[in-house]
């Protein structure tokens, strides 16, 4: 197994563990106000608020790192000749 993939998987599991712990320990309601976008305050349980912000962060990270693929450039040969 690739060590980089294993490290990323362990990191994701740790982040999800913290998300579960925050949801279990913070049971109160939270008011969220964002005047330019939302005219009214949003009142939700804190666990749902944590999950929503986590989901937005994951989607943002996925969008920023996705795509691109391999760029092909003409001068990227390894210096080996066909002799």
PDB file of N, CA and C in Angstrom:
ATOM      1  N   UNK A   1       0.842  -1.177   0.000  1.00  0.00           N
ATOM      2  CA  UNK A   1       0.000   0.000   0.000  1.00  0.00           C
ATOM      3  C   UNK A   1       0.890   1.244   0.000  1.00  0.00           C
ATOM      4  N   UNK A   2       0.443   2.254  -0.673  1.00  0.00           N
ATOM      5  CA  UNK A   2       1.171   3.503  -0.767  1.00  0.00           C
ATOM      6  C   UNK A   2       1.178   4.210   0.592  1.00  0.00           C
ATOM      7  N   UNK A   3       2.345   4.627   1.061  1.00  0.00           N
ATOM      8  CA  UNK A   3       2.466   5.269   2.377  1.00  0.00           C
ATOM      9  C   UNK A   3       1.734   6.606   2.409  1.00  0.00           C
ATOM     10  N   UNK A   4       1.747   7.327   1.311  1.00  0.00           N
ATOM     11  CA  UNK A   4       1.056   8.617   1.253  1.00  0.00           C
ATOM     12  C   UNK A   4      -0.453   8.428   1.389  1.00  0.00           C
ATOM     13  N   UNK A   5      -0.987   7.419   0.729  1.00  0.00           N
ATOM     14  CA  UNK A   5      -2.413   7.124   0.826  1.00  0.00           C
ATOM     15  C   UNK A   5      -2.788   6.698   2.240  1.00  0.00           C
ATOM     16  N   UNK A   6      -1.946   5.902   2.865  1.00  0.00           N
ATOM     17  CA  UNK A   6      -2.191   5.469   4.236  1.00  0.00           C
ATOM     18  C   UNK A   6      -2.192   6.658   5.191  1.00  0.00           C
ATOM     19  N   UNK A   7      -1.255   7.564   5.025  1.00  0.00           N
ATOM     20  CA  UNK A   7      -1.189   8.748   5.875  1.00  0.00           C
ATOM     21  C   UNK A   7      -2.417   9.634   5.688  1.00  0.00           C
ATOM     22  N   UNK A   8      -2.859   9.805   4.460  1.00  0.00           N
ATOM     23  CA  UNK A   8      -4.061  10.597   4.197  1.00  0.00           C
ATOM     24  C   UNK A   8      -5.291   9.947   4.818  1.00  0.00           C
ATOM     25  N   UNK A   9      -5.387   8.627   4.753  1.00  0.00           N
ATOM     26  CA  UNK A   9      -6.522   7.913   5.332  1.00  0.00           C
ATOM     27  C   UNK A   9      -6.547   8.057   6.846  1.00  0.00           C
ATOM     28  N   UNK A  10      -5.402   7.917   7.487  1.00  0.00           N
ATOM     29  CA  UNK A  10      -5.323   8.076   8.947  1.00  0.00           C
ATOM     30  C   UNK A  10      -5.697   9.500   9.336  1.00  0.00           C
ATOM     31  N   UNK A  11      -5.214  10.484   8.581  1.00  0.00           N
ATOM     32  CA  UNK A  11      -5.545  11.879   8.869  1.00  0.00           C
ATOM     33  C   UNK A  11      -7.045  12.121   8.762  1.00  0.00           C
ATOM     34  N   UNK A  12      -7.682  11.581   7.727  1.00  0.00           N
ATOM     35  CA  UNK A  12      -9.122  11.757   7.559  1.00  0.00           C
ATOM     36  C   UNK A  12      -9.888  11.101   8.701  1.00  0.00           C
ATOM     37  N   UNK A  13      -9.460   9.937   9.146  1.00  0.00           N
ATOM     38  CA  UNK A  13     -10.123   9.261  10.260  1.00  0.00           C
ATOM     39  C   UNK A  13      -9.996  10.081  11.537  1.00  0.00           C
ATOM     40  N   UNK A  14      -8.834  10.687  11.774  1.00  0.00           N
ATOM     41  CA  UNK A  14      -8.648  11.528  12.963  1.00  0.00           C
ATOM     42  C   UNK A  14      -9.549  12.758  12.900  1.00  0.00           C
ATOM     43  N   UNK A  15      -9.655  13.380  11.737  1.00  0.00           N
ATOM     44  CA  UNK A  15     -10.527  14.545  11.588  1.00  0.00           C
ATOM     45  C   UNK A  15     -11.979  14.150  11.823  1.00  0.00           C
ATOM     46  N   UNK A  16     -12.400  13.011  11.295  1.00  0.00           N
ATOM     47  CA  UNK A  16     -13.771  12.549  11.520  1.00  0.00           C
ATOM     48  C   UNK A  16     -14.013  12.220  12.990  1.00  0.00           C
ATOM     49  N   UNK A  17     -13.006  11.688  13.673  1.00  0.00           N
ATOM     50  CA  UNK A  17     -13.129  11.423  15.104  1.00  0.00           C
ATOM     51  C   UNK A  17     -13.362  12.718  15.873  1.00  0.00           C
ATOM     52  N   UNK A  18     -12.607  13.768  15.528  1.00  0.00           N
ATOM     53  CA  UNK A  18     -12.824  15.058  16.182  1.00  0.00           C
ATOM     54  C   UNK A  18     -14.216  15.598  15.891  1.00  0.00           C
ATOM     55  N   UNK A  19     -14.712  15.385  14.683  1.00  0.00           N
ATOM     56  CA  UNK A  19     -16.058  15.834  14.335  1.00  0.00           C
ATOM     57  C   UNK A  19     -17.101  15.121  15.188  1.00  0.00           C
ATOM     58  N   UNK A  20     -16.941  13.827  15.375  1.00  0.00           N
ATOM     59  CA  UNK A  20     -17.871  13.062  16.214  1.00  0.00           C
ATOM     60  C   UNK A  20     -17.793  13.529  17.664  1.00  0.00           C
ATOM     61  N   UNK A  21     -16.579  13.744  18.169  1.00  0.00           N
ATOM     62  CA  UNK A  21     -16.424  14.205  19.550  1.00  0.00           C
ATOM     63  C   UNK A  21     -17.047  15.580  19.757  1.00  0.00           C
ATOM     64  N   UNK A  22     -16.872  16.490  18.807  1.00  0.00           N
ATOM     65  CA  UNK A  22     -17.493  17.811  18.927  1.00  0.00           C
ATOM     66  C   UNK A  22     -19.008  17.697  18.935  1.00  0.00           C
ATOM     67  N   UNK A  23     -19.541  16.816  18.118  1.00  0.00           N
ATOM     68  CA  UNK A  23     -20.986  16.635  18.083  1.00  0.00           C
ATOM     69  C   UNK A  23     -21.535  16.029  19.356  1.00  0.00           C
ATOM     70  N   UNK A  24     -20.762  15.144  19.987  1.00  0.00           N
ATOM     71  CA  UNK A  24     -21.225  14.506  21.223  1.00  0.00           C
ATOM     72  C   UNK A  24     -21.132  15.447  22.422  1.00  0.00           C
ATOM     73  N   UNK A  25     -20.114  16.286  22.462  1.00  0.00           N
ATOM     74  CA  UNK A  25     -19.886  17.137  23.630  1.00  0.00           C
ATOM     75  C   UNK A  25     -20.620  18.468  23.562  1.00  0.00           C
ATOM     76  N   UNK A  26     -20.929  18.963  22.385  1.00  0.00           N
ATOM     77  CA  UNK A  26     -21.587  20.264  22.229  1.00  0.00           C
ATOM     78  C   UNK A  26     -23.009  20.045  21.744  1.00  0.00           C
ATOM     79  N   UNK A  27     -23.926  19.988  22.687  1.00  0.00           N
ATOM     80  CA  UNK A  27     -25.310  19.660  22.336  1.00  0.00           C
ATOM     81  C   UNK A  27     -26.221  20.876  22.276  1.00  0.00           C
ATOM     82  N   UNK A  28     -25.709  22.038  22.597  1.00  0.00           N
ATOM     83  CA  UNK A  28     -26.529  23.250  22.591  1.00  0.00           C
ATOM     84  C   UNK A  28     -26.816  23.733  21.180  1.00  0.00           C
ATOM     85  N   UNK A  29     -27.641  24.769  21.098  1.00  0.00           N
ATOM     86  CA  UNK A  29     -27.946  25.356  19.801  1.00  0.00           C
ATOM     87  C   UNK A  29     -27.026  26.543  19.554  1.00  0.00           C
ATOM     88  N   UNK A  30     -26.794  26.818  18.287  1.00  0.00           N
ATOM     89  CA  UNK A  30     -25.897  27.888  17.872  1.00  0.00           C
ATOM     90  C   UNK A  30     -26.648  28.778  16.894  1.00  0.00           C
ATOM     91  N   UNK A  31     -26.462  30.088  17.042  1.00  0.00           N
ATOM     92  CA  UNK A  31     -27.025  31.031  16.082  1.00  0.00           C
ATOM     93  C   UNK A  31     -25.948  31.418  15.087  1.00  0.00           C
ATOM     94  N   UNK A  32     -26.293  31.372  13.818  1.00  0.00           N
ATOM     95  CA  UNK A  32     -25.357  31.725  12.750  1.00  0.00           C
ATOM     96  C   UNK A  32     -25.956  32.878  11.968  1.00  0.00           C
ATOM     97  N   UNK A  33     -25.232  33.995  11.910  1.00  0.00           N
ATOM     98  CA  UNK A  33     -25.715  35.177  11.193  1.00  0.00           C
ATOM     99  C   UNK A  33     -24.696  35.568  10.132  1.00  0.00           C
ATOM    100  N   UNK A  34     -25.185  35.778   8.929  1.00  0.00           N
ATOM    101  CA  UNK A  34     -24.356  36.236   7.819  1.00  0.00           C
ATOM    102  C   UNK A  34     -25.217  37.215   7.018  1.00  0.00           C
ATOM    103  N   UNK A  35     -25.231  38.462   7.472  1.00  0.00           N
ATOM    104  CA  UNK A  35     -26.170  39.471   6.967  1.00  0.00           C
ATOM    105  C   UNK A  35     -26.184  39.642   5.446  1.00  0.00           C
ATOM    106  N   UNK A  36     -25.053  39.698   4.761  1.00  0.00           N
ATOM    107  CA  UNK A  36     -25.132  39.919   3.308  1.00  0.00           C
ATOM    108  C   UNK A  36     -25.803  38.775   2.544  1.00  0.00           C
ATOM    109  N   UNK A  37     -25.733  37.553   3.089  1.00  0.00           N
ATOM    110  CA  UNK A  37     -26.259  36.396   2.365  1.00  0.00           C
ATOM    111  C   UNK A  37     -27.578  35.914   2.954  1.00  0.00           C
ATOM    112  N   UNK A  38     -27.640  35.802   4.274  1.00  0.00           N
ATOM    113  CA  UNK A  38     -28.839  35.308   4.953  1.00  0.00           C
ATOM    114  C   UNK A  38     -29.513  36.452   5.705  1.00  0.00           C
ATOM    115  N   UNK A  39     -30.763  36.779   5.369  1.00  0.00           N
ATOM    116  CA  UNK A  39     -31.425  37.890   6.066  1.00  0.00           C
ATOM    117  C   UNK A  39     -31.772  37.560   7.523  1.00  0.00           C
ATOM    118  N   UNK A  40     -32.031  36.297   7.812  1.00  0.00           N
ATOM    119  CA  UNK A  40     -32.399  35.888   9.171  1.00  0.00           C
ATOM    120  C   UNK A  40     -31.299  35.033   9.778  1.00  0.00           C
ATOM    121  N   UNK A  41     -31.262  35.001  11.115  1.00  0.00           N
ATOM    122  CA  UNK A  41     -30.305  34.135  11.801  1.00  0.00           C
ATOM    123  C   UNK A  41     -30.744  32.687  11.662  1.00  0.00           C
ATOM    124  N   UNK A  42     -29.780  31.814  11.504  1.00  0.00           N
ATOM    125  CA  UNK A  42     -30.049  30.380  11.432  1.00  0.00           C
ATOM    126  C   UNK A  42     -29.696  29.788  12.789  1.00  0.00           C
ATOM    127  N   UNK A  43     -30.648  29.096  13.402  1.00  0.00           N
ATOM    128  CA  UNK A  43     -30.421  28.466  14.698  1.00  0.00           C
ATOM    129  C   UNK A  43     -30.502  26.958  14.521  1.00  0.00           C
ATOM    130  N   UNK A  44     -29.374  26.295  14.775  1.00  0.00           N
ATOM    131  CA  UNK A  44     -29.278  24.844  14.618  1.00  0.00           C
ATOM    132  C   UNK A  44     -28.511  24.255  15.789  1.00  0.00           C
ATOM    133  N   UNK A  45     -28.674  22.950  16.024  1.00  0.00           N
ATOM    134  CA  UNK A  45     -27.802  22.300  17.003  1.00  0.00           C
ATOM    135  C   UNK A  45     -26.343  22.419  16.552  1.00  0.00           C
ATOM    136  N   UNK A  46     -25.464  22.552  17.516  1.00  0.00           N
ATOM    137  CA  UNK A  46     -24.056  22.778  17.174  1.00  0.00           C
ATOM    138  C   UNK A  46     -23.457  21.609  16.394  1.00  0.00           C
ATOM    139  N   UNK A  47     -23.925  20.390  16.639  1.00  0.00           N
ATOM    140  CA  UNK A  47     -23.390  19.238  15.906  1.00  0.00           C
ATOM    141  C   UNK A  47     -23.667  19.374  14.407  1.00  0.00           C
ATOM    142  N   UNK A  48     -24.862  19.827  14.052  1.00  0.00           N
ATOM    143  CA  UNK A  48     -25.175  20.026  12.633  1.00  0.00           C
ATOM    144  C   UNK A  48     -24.358  21.168  12.038  1.00  0.00           C
ATOM    145  N   UNK A  49     -24.128  22.206  12.844  1.00  0.00           N
ATOM    146  CA  UNK A  49     -23.327  23.329  12.372  1.00  0.00           C
ATOM    147  C   UNK A  49     -21.885  22.887  12.107  1.00  0.00           C
ATOM    148  N   UNK A  50     -21.312  22.103  13.017  1.00  0.00           N
ATOM    149  CA  UNK A  50     -19.957  21.580  12.813  1.00  0.00           C
ATOM    150  C   UNK A  50     -19.902  20.724  11.551  1.00  0.00           C
ATOM    151  N   UNK A  51     -20.913  19.872  11.374  1.00  0.00           N
ATOM    152  CA  UNK A  51     -20.934  19.005  10.203  1.00  0.00           C
ATOM    153  C   UNK A  51     -21.037  19.826   8.925  1.00  0.00           C
ATOM    154  N   UNK A  52     -21.854  20.873   8.939  1.00  0.00           N
ATOM    155  CA  UNK A  52     -22.013  21.711   7.747  1.00  0.00           C
ATOM    156  C   UNK A  52     -20.704  22.397   7.380  1.00  0.00           C
ATOM    157  N   UNK A  53     -20.009  22.948   8.370  1.00  0.00           N
ATOM    158  CA  UNK A  53     -18.737  23.607   8.076  1.00  0.00           C
ATOM    159  C   UNK A  53     -17.686  22.596   7.617  1.00  0.00           C
ATOM    160  N   UNK A  54     -17.698  21.408   8.193  1.00  0.00           N
ATOM    161  CA  UNK A  54     -16.771  20.365   7.760  1.00  0.00           C
ATOM    162  C   UNK A  54     -17.051  19.974   6.312  1.00  0.00           C
ATOM    163  N   UNK A  55     -18.329  19.820   5.969  1.00  0.00           N
ATOM    164  CA  UNK A  55     -18.697  19.444   4.603  1.00  0.00           C
ATOM    165  C   UNK A  55     -18.278  20.522   3.610  1.00  0.00           C
ATOM    166  N   UNK A  56     -18.470  21.783   3.968  1.00  0.00           N
ATOM    167  CA  UNK A  56     -18.050  22.875   3.089  1.00  0.00           C
ATOM    168  C   UNK A  56     -16.534  22.850   2.909  1.00  0.00           C
ATOM    169  N   UNK A  57     -15.809  22.574   3.971  1.00  0.00           N
ATOM    170  CA  UNK A  57     -14.349  22.493   3.880  1.00  0.00           C
ATOM    171  C   UNK A  57     -13.884  21.345   3.003  1.00  0.00           C
ATOM    172  N   UNK A  58     -14.527  20.192   3.140  1.00  0.00           N
ATOM    173  CA  UNK A  58     -14.161  19.033   2.311  1.00  0.00           C
ATOM    174  C   UNK A  58     -14.460  19.310   0.839  1.00  0.00           C
ATOM    175  N   UNK A  59     -15.624  19.887   0.564  1.00  0.00           N
ATOM    176  CA  UNK A  59     -15.960  20.205  -0.823  1.00  0.00           C
ATOM    177  C   UNK A  59     -15.002  21.238  -1.407  1.00  0.00           C
ATOM    178  N   UNK A  60     -14.644  22.235  -0.616  1.00  0.00           N
ATOM    179  CA  UNK A  60     -13.702  23.248  -1.088  1.00  0.00           C
ATOM    180  C   UNK A  60     -12.343  22.631  -1.387  1.00  0.00           C
ATOM    181  N   UNK A  61     -11.858  21.785  -0.496  1.00  0.00           N
ATOM    182  CA  UNK A  61     -10.579  21.120  -0.723  1.00  0.00           C
ATOM    183  C   UNK A  61     -10.606  20.207  -1.926  1.00  0.00           C
ATOM    184  N   UNK A  62     -11.717  19.517  -2.122  1.00  0.00           N
ATOM    185  CA  UNK A  62     -11.851  18.625  -3.276  1.00  0.00           C
ATOM    186  C   UNK A  62     -11.840  19.412  -4.578  1.00  0.00           C
ATOM    187  N   UNK A  63     -12.560  20.517  -4.598  1.00  0.00           N
ATOM    188  CA  UNK A  63     -12.613  21.331  -5.812  1.00  0.00           C
ATOM    189  C   UNK A  63     -11.249  21.942  -6.116  1.00  0.00           C
ATOM    190  N   UNK A  64     -10.544  22.389  -5.078  1.00  0.00           N
ATOM    191  CA  UNK A  64      -9.243  23.014  -5.302  1.00  0.00           C
ATOM    192  C   UNK A  64      -8.181  22.021  -5.764  1.00  0.00           C
ATOM    193  N   UNK A  65      -8.275  20.767  -5.329  1.00  0.00           N
ATOM    194  CA  UNK A  65      -7.251  19.795  -5.704  1.00  0.00           C
ATOM    195  C   UNK A  65      -7.650  18.924  -6.887  1.00  0.00           C
ATOM    196  N   UNK A  66      -8.901  18.945  -7.294  1.00  0.00           N
ATOM    197  CA  UNK A  66      -9.368  18.076  -8.379  1.00  0.00           C
ATOM    198  C   UNK A  66      -8.998  18.663  -9.735  1.00  0.00           C
ATOM    199  N   UNK A  67      -9.042  17.807 -10.708  1.00  0.00           N
ATOM    200  CA  UNK A  67      -8.827  18.241 -12.081  1.00  0.00           C
ATOM    201  C   UNK A  67      -7.364  18.441 -12.406  1.00  0.00           C
ATOM    202  N   UNK A  68      -7.127  19.144 -13.460  1.00  0.00           N
ATOM    203  CA  UNK A  68      -5.749  19.415 -13.865  1.00  0.00           C
ATOM    204  C   UNK A  68      -5.154  18.272 -14.650  1.00  0.00           C
ATOM    205  N   UNK A  69      -5.084  17.115 -14.056  1.00  0.00           N
ATOM    206  CA  UNK A  69      -4.490  15.962 -14.722  1.00  0.00           C
ATOM    207  C   UNK A  69      -3.014  16.168 -14.967  1.00  0.00           C
ATOM    208  N   UNK A  70      -2.470  15.389 -15.883  1.00  0.00           N
ATOM    209  CA  UNK A  70      -1.056  15.510 -16.227  1.00  0.00           C
ATOM    210  C   UNK A  70      -0.919  16.514 -17.362  1.00  0.00           C
ATOM    211  N   UNK A  71      -0.083  17.492 -17.152  1.00  0.00           N
ATOM    212  CA  UNK A  71       0.154  18.459 -18.223  1.00  0.00           C
ATOM    213  C   UNK A  71       1.272  17.935 -19.113  1.00  0.00           C
ATOM    214  N   UNK A  72       1.059  18.007 -20.394  1.00  0.00           N
ATOM    215  CA  UNK A  72       2.071  17.511 -21.326  1.00  0.00           C
ATOM    216  C   UNK A  72       2.893  18.684 -21.827  1.00  0.00           C
ATOM    217  N   UNK A  73       4.197  18.557 -21.676  1.00  0.00           N
ATOM    218  CA  UNK A  73       5.090  19.584 -22.208  1.00  0.00           C
ATOM    219  C   UNK A  73       6.119  18.901 -23.096  1.00  0.00           C
ATOM    220  N   UNK A  74       6.543  19.571 -24.135  1.00  0.00           N
ATOM    221  CA  UNK A  74       7.446  18.975 -25.112  1.00  0.00           C
ATOM    222  C   UNK A  74       8.838  18.711 -24.573  1.00  0.00           C
ATOM    223  N   UNK A  75       9.316  19.484 -23.616  1.00  0.00           N
ATOM    224  CA  UNK A  75      10.680  19.332 -23.140  1.00  0.00           C
ATOM    225  C   UNK A  75      10.804  18.495 -21.894  1.00  0.00           C
ATOM    226  N   UNK A  76       9.890  17.622 -21.628  1.00  0.00           N
ATOM    227  CA  UNK A  76       9.922  16.857 -20.384  1.00  0.00           C
ATOM    228  C   UNK A  76      10.521  15.467 -20.557  1.00  0.00           C
ATOM    229  N   UNK A  77      11.296  15.259 -21.605  1.00  0.00           N
ATOM    230  CA  UNK A  77      11.905  13.940 -21.780  1.00  0.00           C
ATOM    231  C   UNK A  77      13.029  13.767 -20.775  1.00  0.00           C
ATOM    232  N   UNK A  78      13.353  12.542 -20.456  1.00  0.00           N
ATOM    233  CA  UNK A  78      14.334  12.253 -19.413  1.00  0.00           C
ATOM    234  C   UNK A  78      15.773  12.319 -19.907  1.00  0.00           C
ATOM    235  N   UNK A  79      15.998  12.749 -21.096  1.00  0.00           N
ATOM    236  CA  UNK A  79      17.354  12.894 -21.613  1.00  0.00           C
ATOM    237  C   UNK A  79      17.888  11.647 -22.296  1.00  0.00           C
ATOM    238  N   UNK A  80      17.103  10.607 -22.411  1.00  0.00           N
ATOM    239  CA  UNK A  80      17.546   9.382 -23.076  1.00  0.00           C
ATOM    240  C   UNK A  80      17.347   9.545 -24.576  1.00  0.00           C
ATOM    241  N   UNK A  81      18.331   9.153 -25.317  1.00  0.00           N
ATOM    242  CA  UNK A  81      18.208   9.212 -26.768  1.00  0.00           C
ATOM    243  C   UNK A  81      17.859   7.829 -27.307  1.00  0.00           C
ATOM    244  N   UNK A  82      17.397   7.782 -28.525  1.00  0.00           N
ATOM    245  CA  UNK A  82      16.974   6.525 -29.115  1.00  0.00           C
ATOM    246  C   UNK A  82      18.109   5.734 -29.740  1.00  0.00           C
ATOM    247  N   UNK A  83      19.350   5.904 -29.305  1.00  0.00           N
ATOM    248  CA  UNK A  83      20.504   5.194 -29.883  1.00  0.00           C
ATOM    249  C   UNK A  83      20.580   3.773 -29.431  1.00  0.00           C
TER     250      UNK A  83
END
